[in-house]
Amino acid sequence: MKRAFVLTILLLVPLLPLTAQAECECLNESEGHDSSEALKLKIVAIASILTAGVIGVGLPILGETYAFLRPDRDFFFLVKAFAAGVILATGLIHILPDSFESLTSPCLNEHPWQDFPFAGFMAMMGSIGTLVVDSIAMGYYERSNLKRAMPVSEAEVEGGGVVVVGESSREGAAHVHAGGMHAHVHVHGSVELVRHRVIAQVFELGVVVHSVIIGISLGASETPSTIRPLVAALSFHQFFEGLGLGGCIVQAKFKAKAIMTMSLFFSLTTPVGIAIGIGIASNYNENSPTALIVEGILNSLSAGILIYMALVDLLAADFSSARMRNNGKLQLGAHVFLLLGAGLMSLLAKWA
């Protein structure tokens, strides 16, 4: 899974500089351009967004040393609800509208781009693809762990019943029952851990794709009035997304090396995207057909992934849990934090 994840990103990143090729008459307007002032703001943006990303993803990870931030505490549920609201708003408010705008641009040929809602279709495919990865990975690990954990030396399952092998039926039955319970707990724990790891990796994939695109767009801009509000907005954006990813990483219980790799990868994607944008700024035309199609499709897929992750893997899992249902205060707090996260992230759409 890790190799496939890294390979996917390595394949996506080289595609984006190709969008620098202008292929249509829709040219960027030069009004308000100031290359030297824009470069200063881009350097500030790299530092600010990098810092926000590191702090955002690091808080849940380092916060595990504090009792109230541990995954088994109620406050962690509230943080996850807030992060889920941020992720949901990111997909629906920030990314999906941009993909519709890109794939319905007048700079694209009327046929087929104006004939079919490709942005919505690709978002749907992103959600379905995430479901497929989720279910196949979970099914595979559950079957493999169940096979290893079965107490075959003590019992054989025949026709739905248990045939006991032991000195006496009562002792044997007790032993098999205990072994079966141990196997069940072991398998359940292993599957839950795998589930959290799949969630963390797929979630990072969705965030990273969008982060690279938005970084390139900012880095390629030569208009200070456009860049200035984006610096603050994207810093908050990166911080909130980092909180969500950090919470997923904590629950996945990765080893220290994997945690460091995923955290750095997330924190560096937008700054690296800005650096790529700076390098291709002189040739980049964000309204060229290639740029619009590549950005629109990748943004749509990213939106589908994030919407699925927020609703199914984060919100549905926590809000339907017995712990949440049996605790009225926790349930109310989680709903408030969900609305707060979604509201704050939606507000940022005014500037980014």
Foldseek 3Di string as FASTA:
>chain_A
DVVVLVVVVVVLLVLQLVLLAFDFDDFDDCPQFDQVLLVVLLVLLLVLQLVLLLCQQVCLVVVCVPPCSNPVHLVVLQLLLLLLLQLLLCLPQPQLVLLQCLLCPPRDDCPPSVVDSVLQVLLQVLQVVLVVLLVVQLVVLLVVLLVVQQPVVAWDADPNDTDGDDDDPVVSVVVNVVSVVVSVVRSVVRSQLSNLVSLLSLLLSLLLLLLLLVLLVSLLDRRPVLSVLVSVLSSVSSSSNSNNSSSSCSSNPDDPVVSVVSSSSSSCRSSVSSVSNNVSNVSGGCNHSSNSVSSSSSSSSSSSSSNSSSVPVRCVVSCVDPVLVVDPVSVVSSVVSNCVSNVVSSVSSVND
